[in-house]
C-alpha atoms as a PDB file:
ATOM      1  CA  MET A   1      50.306  42.926  43.640  1.00  0.00           C
ATOM      2  CA  LEU A   2      51.777  39.671  42.316  1.00  0.00           C
ATOM      3  CA  THR A   3      49.476  36.660  42.374  1.00  0.00           C
ATOM      4  CA  PRO A   4      51.058  33.207  42.884  1.00  0.00           C
ATOM      5  CA  GLN A   5      51.030  31.069  39.817  1.00  0.00           C
ATOM      6  CA  GLY A   6      47.963  28.871  39.521  1.00  0.00           C
ATOM      7  CA  LEU A   7      45.741  31.024  41.710  1.00  0.00           C
ATOM      8  CA  LYS A   8      44.685  33.173  38.827  1.00  0.00           C
ATOM      9  CA  GLY A   9      44.406  36.099  41.182  1.00  0.00           C
ATOM     10  CA  LYS A  10      40.908  35.194  42.385  1.00  0.00           C
ATOM     11  CA  GLN A  11      41.096  32.940  45.435  1.00  0.00           C
ATOM     12  CA  TYR A  12      43.389  35.155  47.624  1.00  0.00           C
ATOM     13  CA  ARG A  13      42.989  38.862  47.337  1.00  0.00           C
ATOM     14  CA  ILE A  14      43.596  41.695  49.840  1.00  0.00           C
ATOM     15  CA  THR A  15      40.710  44.092  49.957  1.00  0.00           C
ATOM     16  CA  GLY A  16      39.897  47.236  51.956  1.00  0.00           C
ATOM     17  CA  ASN A  17      41.969  50.284  52.834  1.00  0.00           C
ATOM     18  CA  ALA A  18      42.954  49.450  56.474  1.00  0.00           C
ATOM     19  CA  TYR A  19      46.238  47.801  57.309  1.00  0.00           C
ATOM     20  CA  PRO A  20      47.408  46.332  60.647  1.00  0.00           C
ATOM     21  CA  ARG A  21      49.593  48.700  62.638  1.00  0.00           C
ATOM     22  CA  LEU A  22      52.752  47.101  63.931  1.00  0.00           C
ATOM     23  CA  GLY A  23      54.406  48.393  67.173  1.00  0.00           C
ATOM     24  CA  ARG A  24      56.909  47.324  69.818  1.00  0.00           C
ATOM     25  CA  PRO A  25      55.559  44.957  72.428  1.00  0.00           C
ATOM     26  CA  PRO A  26      55.196  46.549  75.945  1.00  0.00           C
ATOM     27  CA  LYS A  27      58.254  46.177  78.106  1.00  0.00           C
ATOM     28  CA  LYS A  28      57.869  44.408  81.459  1.00  0.00           C
ATOM     29  CA  SER A  29      60.405  46.750  83.089  1.00  0.00           C
ATOM     30  CA  ARG A  30      58.017  49.702  82.874  1.00  0.00           C
ATOM     31  CA  LYS A  31      55.310  47.772  84.697  1.00  0.00           C
ATOM     32  CA  VAL A  32      57.752  46.771  87.411  1.00  0.00           C
ATOM     33  CA  ILE A  33      58.904  50.380  87.932  1.00  0.00           C
ATOM     34  CA  ALA A  34      55.306  51.600  88.108  1.00  0.00           C
ATOM     35  CA  ALA A  35      54.457  48.926  90.692  1.00  0.00           C
ATOM     36  CA  LEU A  36      57.487  49.838  92.847  1.00  0.00           C
ATOM     37  CA  ALA A  37      56.590  53.545  92.701  1.00  0.00           C
ATOM     38  CA  GLY A  38      53.074  52.759  93.852  1.00  0.00           C
ATOM     39  CA  LEU A  39      54.353  50.674  96.784  1.00  0.00           C
ATOM     40  CA  LEU A  40      56.750  53.473  97.823  1.00  0.00           C
ATOM     41  CA  ALA A  41      53.940  56.044  97.789  1.00  0.00           C
ATOM     42  CA  LEU A  42      51.764  53.787  99.951  1.00  0.00           C
ATOM     43  CA  ALA A  43      54.638  53.296 102.415  1.00  0.00           C
ATOM     44  CA  LEU A  44      55.169  57.065 102.752  1.00  0.00           C
ATOM     45  CA  ILE A  45      51.464  57.644 103.329  1.00  0.00           C
ATOM     46  CA  ALA A  46      51.389  54.934 106.008  1.00  0.00           C
ATOM     47  CA  LEU A  47      54.471  56.398 107.754  1.00  0.00           C
ATOM     48  CA  GLY A  48      52.896  59.866 107.825  1.00  0.00           C
ATOM     49  CA  GLY A  49      49.707  58.442 109.274  1.00  0.00           C
ATOM     50  CA  VAL A  50      51.616  56.716 112.092  1.00  0.00           C
ATOM     51  CA  GLN A  51      53.430  59.929 113.005  1.00  0.00           C
ATOM     52  CA  LEU A  52      50.189  61.911 113.091  1.00  0.00           C
ATOM     53  CA  TYR A  53      48.638  59.254 115.310  1.00  0.00           C
ATOM     54  CA  ASP A  54      51.580  59.464 117.725  1.00  0.00           C
ATOM     55  CA  ILE A  55      51.238  63.263 117.925  1.00  0.00           C
ATOM     56  CA  PHE A  56      47.506  63.287 118.613  1.00  0.00           C
ATOM     57  CA  SER A  57      47.548  60.271 120.940  1.00  0.00           C
ATOM     58  CA  GLY A  58      50.177  61.879 123.227  1.00  0.00           C
ATOM     59  CA  ARG A  59      52.888  59.233 122.899  1.00  0.00           C
ATOM     60  CA  ASN A  60      55.557  61.964 122.812  1.00  0.00           C
ATOM     61  CA  LYS A  61      54.709  63.243 126.306  1.00  0.00           C
ATOM     62  CA  HIS A  62      57.229  60.951 127.955  1.00  0.00           C
ATOM     63  CA  THR A  63      59.947  62.089 125.535  1.00  0.00           C
ATOM     64  CA  SER A  64      59.176  65.749 126.207  1.00  0.00           C
ATOM     65  CA  ALA A  65      59.334  65.174 129.960  1.00  0.00           C
ATOM     66  CA  GLN A  66      62.774  63.595 129.600  1.00  0.00           C
ATOM     67  CA  ALA A  67      63.967  66.512 127.441  1.00  0.00           C
ATOM     68  CA  CYS A  68      62.891  68.978 130.136  1.00  0.00           C
ATOM     69  CA  ALA A  69      64.534  67.095 132.997  1.00  0.00           C
ATOM     70  CA  THR A  70      67.382  68.529 135.000  1.00  0.00           C
ATOM     71  CA  PRO A  71      70.877  66.987 134.771  1.00  0.00           C
ATOM     72  CA  SER A  72      69.986  64.960 137.883  1.00  0.00           C
ATOM     73  CA  GLY A  73      67.104  63.344 136.017  1.00  0.00           C
ATOM     74  CA  LYS A  74      64.356  65.114 137.991  1.00  0.00           C
ATOM     75  CA  PRO A  75      61.740  67.262 136.207  1.00  0.00           C
ATOM     76  CA  LEU A  76      62.015  71.003 136.517  1.00  0.00           C
ATOM     77  CA  ALA A  77      59.976  72.277 139.457  1.00  0.00           C
ATOM     78  CA  ALA A  78      57.691  75.277 139.300  1.00  0.00           C
ATOM     79  CA  PRO A  79      59.128  78.432 140.893  1.00  0.00           C
ATOM     80  CA  THR A  80      58.023  79.159 144.428  1.00  0.00           C
ATOM     81  CA  PRO A  81      56.081  82.448 144.708  1.00  0.00           C
ATOM     82  CA  GLY A  82      58.032  85.038 146.638  1.00  0.00           C
ATOM     83  CA  ALA A  83      61.421  83.531 145.886  1.00  0.00           C
ATOM     84  CA  THR A  84      64.091  85.396 143.945  1.00  0.00           C
ATOM     85  CA  PRO A  85      64.868  83.782 140.562  1.00  0.00           C
ATOM     86  CA  GLY A  86      68.151  81.884 140.782  1.00  0.00           C
ATOM     87  CA  ALA A  87      68.708  82.738 144.449  1.00  0.00           C
ATOM     88  CA  PRO A  88      68.981  79.964 147.062  1.00  0.00           C
ATOM     89  CA  ALA A  89      66.589  80.017 149.989  1.00  0.00           C
ATOM     90  CA  ALA A  90      68.268  81.686 152.928  1.00  0.00           C
ATOM     91  CA  SER A  91      67.964  80.499 156.490  1.00  0.00           C
ATOM     92  CA  GLY A  92      65.161  82.382 158.221  1.00  0.00           C
ATOM     93  CA  ALA A  93      63.835  83.775 154.885  1.00  0.00           C
ATOM     94  CA  PRO A  94      60.095  84.470 154.745  1.00  0.00           C
ATOM     95  CA  ALA A  95      57.833  81.722 153.561  1.00  0.00           C
ATOM     96  CA  ALA A  96      56.007  81.773 150.214  1.00  0.00           C
ATOM     97  CA  SER A  97      52.868  82.984 152.022  1.00  0.00           C
ATOM     98  CA  GLY A  98      54.603  86.342 152.622  1.00  0.00           C
ATOM     99  CA  ALA A  99      55.845  86.105 156.211  1.00  0.00           C
ATOM    100  CA  PRO A 100      57.659  89.199 157.495  1.00  0.00           C
ATOM    101  CA  ALA A 101      61.301  89.465 156.617  1.00  0.00           C
ATOM    102  CA  THR A 102      63.793  88.547 159.279  1.00  0.00           C
ATOM    103  CA  PRO A 103      67.282  89.927 159.751  1.00  0.00           C
ATOM    104  CA  GLY A 104      69.730  88.220 157.430  1.00  0.00           C
ATOM    105  CA  GLY A 105      66.991  87.156 154.999  1.00  0.00           C
ATOM    106  CA  ASP A 106      67.079  87.651 151.251  1.00  0.00           C
ATOM    107  CA  PRO A 107      66.145  91.329 150.585  1.00  0.00           C
ATOM    108  CA  HIS A 108      64.623  90.373 147.229  1.00  0.00           C
ATOM    109  CA  THR A 109      62.061  88.083 148.840  1.00  0.00           C
ATOM    110  CA  ILE A 110      58.563  89.551 148.813  1.00  0.00           C
ATOM    111  CA  PRO A 111      57.486  90.292 152.425  1.00  0.00           C
ATOM    112  CA  GLN A 112      53.997  90.708 153.829  1.00  0.00           C
ATOM    113  CA  ALA A 113      52.446  94.161 153.586  1.00  0.00           C
ATOM    114  CA  THR A 114      52.369  94.296 157.391  1.00  0.00           C
ATOM    115  CA  ALA A 115      56.180  94.270 157.407  1.00  0.00           C
ATOM    116  CA  VAL A 116      56.618  97.119 154.888  1.00  0.00           C
ATOM    117  CA  THR A 117      56.822 100.802 155.824  1.00  0.00           C
ATOM    118  CA  VAL A 118      55.656 103.110 153.027  1.00  0.00           C
ATOM    119  CA  ASN A 119      56.285 106.848 152.869  1.00  0.00           C
ATOM    120  CA  ILE A 120      53.638 108.579 150.725  1.00  0.00           C
ATOM    121  CA  TYR A 121      54.628 111.768 148.889  1.00  0.00           C
ATOM    122  CA  ASN A 122      52.534 113.915 146.578  1.00  0.00           C
ATOM    123  CA  ALA A 123      54.416 115.298 143.551  1.00  0.00           C
ATOM    124  CA  THR A 124      51.277 116.753 141.924  1.00  0.00           C
ATOM    125  CA  THR A 125      49.255 119.918 142.385  1.00  0.00           C
ATOM    126  CA  LYS A 126      46.240 117.991 143.734  1.00  0.00           C
ATOM    127  CA  ALA A 127      45.830 118.777 147.407  1.00  0.00           C
ATOM    128  CA  GLY A 128      45.232 115.953 149.902  1.00  0.00           C
ATOM    129  CA  LEU A 129      46.191 113.204 147.466  1.00  0.00           C
ATOM    130  CA  ALA A 130      48.978 111.871 149.686  1.00  0.00           C
ATOM    131  CA  GLY A 131      46.649 111.467 152.670  1.00  0.00           C
ATOM    132  CA  ARG A 132      43.959 109.642 150.676  1.00  0.00           C
ATOM    133  CA  THR A 133      46.521 107.336 149.118  1.00  0.00           C
ATOM    134  CA  ALA A 134      48.043 106.611 152.523  1.00  0.00           C
ATOM    135  CA  GLU A 135      44.619 105.492 153.762  1.00  0.00           C
ATOM    136  CA  GLU A 136      44.351 103.053 150.843  1.00  0.00           C
ATOM    137  CA  PHE A 137      47.765 101.559 151.649  1.00  0.00           C
ATOM    138  CA  LYS A 138      46.817 101.314 155.320  1.00  0.00           C
ATOM    139  CA  LYS A 139      43.687  99.323 154.446  1.00  0.00           C
ATOM    140  CA  ARG A 140      45.933  96.787 152.706  1.00  0.00           C
ATOM    141  CA  GLY A 141      48.044  96.287 155.813  1.00  0.00           C
ATOM    142  CA  PHE A 142      51.044  98.473 155.008  1.00  0.00           C
ATOM    143  CA  ILE A 143      52.740 100.494 157.743  1.00  0.00           C
ATOM    144  CA  ILE A 144      52.426 104.176 156.906  1.00  0.00           C
ATOM    145  CA  GLY A 145      55.517 106.290 157.509  1.00  0.00           C
ATOM    146  CA  LYS A 146      55.833 109.894 156.333  1.00  0.00           C
ATOM    147  CA  VAL A 147      52.946 111.522 154.437  1.00  0.00           C
ATOM    148  CA  GLY A 148      53.310 114.871 152.683  1.00  0.00           C
ATOM    149  CA  ASN A 149      54.525 116.751 149.642  1.00  0.00           C
ATOM    150  CA  ALA A 150      57.365 115.333 147.547  1.00  0.00           C
ATOM    151  CA  PRO A 151      60.887 116.744 148.026  1.00  0.00           C
ATOM    152  CA  ALA A 152      62.004 119.474 145.655  1.00  0.00           C
ATOM    153  CA  GLU A 153      63.951 117.135 143.391  1.00  0.00           C
ATOM    154  CA  LEU A 154      60.747 115.173 142.679  1.00  0.00           C
ATOM    155  CA  ASP A 155      57.993 117.777 143.095  1.00  0.00           C
ATOM    156  CA  LYS A 156      56.027 118.056 139.814  1.00  0.00           C
ATOM    157  CA  LYS A 157      58.669 115.926 138.115  1.00  0.00           C
ATOM    158  CA  VAL A 158      56.946 112.536 138.055  1.00  0.00           C
ATOM    159  CA  PRO A 159      54.960 112.360 134.787  1.00  0.00           C
ATOM    160  CA  GLY A 160      53.805 108.765 135.231  1.00  0.00           C
ATOM    161  CA  THR A 161      51.445 107.240 137.760  1.00  0.00           C
ATOM    162  CA  ALA A 162      54.024 106.901 140.539  1.00  0.00           C
ATOM    163  CA  GLN A 163      57.692 106.469 141.332  1.00  0.00           C
ATOM    164  CA  VAL A 164      58.620 103.790 143.873  1.00  0.00           C
ATOM    165  CA  ILE A 165      61.997 104.197 145.561  1.00  0.00           C
ATOM    166  CA  ALA A 166      63.683 101.554 147.745  1.00  0.00           C
ATOM    167  CA  GLY A 167      67.167 100.739 148.940  1.00  0.00           C
ATOM    168  CA  PRO A 168      69.128  97.480 148.671  1.00  0.00           C
ATOM    169  CA  SER A 169      67.518  96.159 151.862  1.00  0.00           C
ATOM    170  CA  GLY A 170      64.012  96.821 150.587  1.00  0.00           C
ATOM    171  CA  ALA A 171      64.174  95.438 147.055  1.00  0.00           C
ATOM    172  CA  GLY A 172      61.391  92.932 147.675  1.00  0.00           C
ATOM    173  CA  ALA A 173      59.305  95.528 149.509  1.00  0.00           C
ATOM    174  CA  GLY A 174      59.726  97.904 146.571  1.00  0.00           C
ATOM    175  CA  THR A 175      58.437  95.227 144.188  1.00  0.00           C
ATOM    176  CA  LEU A 176      55.411  94.692 146.441  1.00  0.00           C
ATOM    177  CA  VAL A 177      54.618  98.409 146.633  1.00  0.00           C
ATOM    178  CA  GLY A 178      55.168  98.881 142.897  1.00  0.00           C
ATOM    179  CA  SER A 179      52.645  96.145 142.119  1.00  0.00           C
ATOM    180  CA  GLN A 180      49.878  98.174 143.768  1.00  0.00           C
ATOM    181  CA  ILE A 181      49.761 100.693 140.913  1.00  0.00           C
ATOM    182  CA  ALA A 182      49.843 100.270 137.136  1.00  0.00           C
ATOM    183  CA  GLY A 183      52.740 101.896 135.298  1.00  0.00           C
ATOM    184  CA  ALA A 184      54.889 102.636 138.345  1.00  0.00           C
ATOM    185  CA  THR A 185      58.596 103.288 137.933  1.00  0.00           C
ATOM    186  CA  VAL A 186      60.706 101.434 140.507  1.00  0.00           C
ATOM    187  CA  THR A 187      64.125 102.927 141.274  1.00  0.00           C
ATOM    188  CA  ALA A 188      66.811 102.324 143.894  1.00  0.00           C
ATOM    189  CA  ASP A 189      68.727 104.643 146.187  1.00  0.00           C
ATOM    190  CA  ALA A 190      71.361 104.207 148.889  1.00  0.00           C
ATOM    191  CA  ARG A 191      69.116 104.106 151.980  1.00  0.00           C
ATOM    192  CA  THR A 192      70.093 101.471 154.533  1.00  0.00           C
ATOM    193  CA  ASP A 193      66.645 100.580 155.854  1.00  0.00           C
ATOM    194  CA  ALA A 194      63.852  98.617 154.150  1.00  0.00           C
ATOM    195  CA  SER A 195      61.367 101.475 153.874  1.00  0.00           C
ATOM    196  CA  VAL A 196      59.815 102.377 150.527  1.00  0.00           C
ATOM    197  CA  ASP A 197      58.860 105.797 149.118  1.00  0.00           C
ATOM    198  CA  PHE A 198      55.706 106.013 147.016  1.00  0.00           C
ATOM    199  CA  VAL A 199      55.785 109.283 145.070  1.00  0.00           C
ATOM    200  CA  ILE A 200      52.475 110.099 143.382  1.00  0.00           C
ATOM    201  CA  GLY A 201      52.819 111.294 139.780  1.00  0.00           C
ATOM    202  CA  ASP A 202      50.705 113.395 137.433  1.00  0.00           C
ATOM    203  CA  SER A 203      49.004 110.362 135.814  1.00  0.00           C
ATOM    204  CA  TYR A 204      47.893 108.825 139.108  1.00  0.00           C
ATOM    205  CA  ASN A 205      44.188 108.076 139.531  1.00  0.00           C
ATOM    206  CA  ALA A 206      43.900 105.211 142.011  1.00  0.00           C
ATOM    207  CA  LEU A 207      45.593 102.029 143.185  1.00  0.00           C
ATOM    208  CA  LEU A 208      44.802  98.746 141.497  1.00  0.00           C
ATOM    209  CA  ASP A 209      42.234  96.646 143.286  1.00  0.00           C
ATOM    210  CA  GLU A 210      43.711  93.889 145.414  1.00  0.00           C
ATOM    211  CA  THR A 211      43.030  91.147 142.848  1.00  0.00           C
ATOM    212  CA  GLN A 212      44.768  93.105 140.090  1.00  0.00           C
ATOM    213  CA  ALA A 213      47.652  93.948 142.425  1.00  0.00           C
ATOM    214  CA  ALA A 214      48.135  90.269 143.301  1.00  0.00           C
ATOM    215  CA  ALA A 215      48.218  89.384 139.590  1.00  0.00           C
ATOM    216  CA  ALA A 216      50.748  92.164 138.913  1.00  0.00           C
ATOM    217  CA  LEU A 217      52.943  90.927 141.774  1.00  0.00           C
ATOM    218  CA  ALA A 218      52.850  87.342 140.482  1.00  0.00           C
ATOM    219  CA  LEU A 219      53.940  88.566 137.068  1.00  0.00           C
ATOM    220  CA  ALA A 220      56.724  90.701 138.546  1.00  0.00           C
ATOM    221  CA  VAL A 221      58.312  87.802 140.446  1.00  0.00           C
ATOM    222  CA  LYS A 222      57.833  85.228 137.672  1.00  0.00           C
ATOM    223  CA  PRO A 223      61.304  84.106 136.532  1.00  0.00           C
ATOM    224  CA  SER A 224      62.275  84.207 132.875  1.00  0.00           C
ATOM    225  CA  PRO A 225      62.410  80.757 131.216  1.00  0.00           C
ATOM    226  CA  THR A 226      65.903  79.270 131.043  1.00  0.00           C
ATOM    227  CA  PRO A 227      66.899  77.997 127.561  1.00  0.00           C
ATOM    228  CA  SER A 228      67.292  74.210 127.505  1.00  0.00           C
ATOM    229  CA  ALA A 229      70.159  72.471 125.732  1.00  0.00           C
ATOM    230  CA  THR A 230      67.787  69.763 124.530  1.00  0.00           C
ATOM    231  CA  GLY A 231      65.265  72.145 122.959  1.00  0.00           C
ATOM    232  CA  ASN A 232      62.223  74.100 123.981  1.00  0.00           C
ATOM    233  CA  CYS A 233      60.472  72.783 127.084  1.00  0.00           C
END
C-alpha cells in the first residue's frame, strides 16, 4: 500500500483481515409491496369471518324464504294429507281427515276405511288365511266383501306379500289398502266400482300395525318435491 508523503507510513495504517462489505441499499418499493400484501390478506380473512357469522346467525333465512316463494309472492304451503299431488280440490271431495268419498269426488283422494270395500283372496296353500286376514281388516273399519280362494289366474302366482287390485274409481282406496301391508304390489284393472281386491301372497305373514300403516300411507301420498327455478328450497 502507498503511504502519503510525509506520513512515513506510521501514523495511518490499515490492520486486520476483515473488510467492510458493500451492498445495495434496501429498496422502499419492496416494503410497500409487502405492506399491501399483508393488508389484502387481513381484508380477505375479515370478509370470510363476516360470511361465516351470517351463516351461523341465520341472516340468510329471509333470502331463502324469498327464493322458495311462489310467483305470487306467497311461501309454498305444505301438502294437505289425503290430497292428490297437483290435483285441484274437487267440490264435495273428502276432507283431509278421511271422510267417505262422495259421487263426483277425486278418485285418488284417500277415503276413510269405513267407505272402502275389500275383497280378501288367498293365493297360498295355507288354509283359512283369507278369513283371518278379513277379520283384521274388519277391525280397522273396512267393509269386507268376498272372502275365499284367489281366482285361477292368481292362485299360487303371487310371490310377494300381497297384490292389491283396484279400478280407476278406487285408486285412493287401493292406496289405503296397500299401505296396510309391507311390500304389496298395487295394480289396476278395468272394474267400474271402487272396491279393492287384496290377494294374499306366499310371503305374507301379517298386516302392519296401525301406526306403521299410517306412516306408510303418509309416505305413499307425499308429493315429490318440485324443482325450483331459483335453486334448492
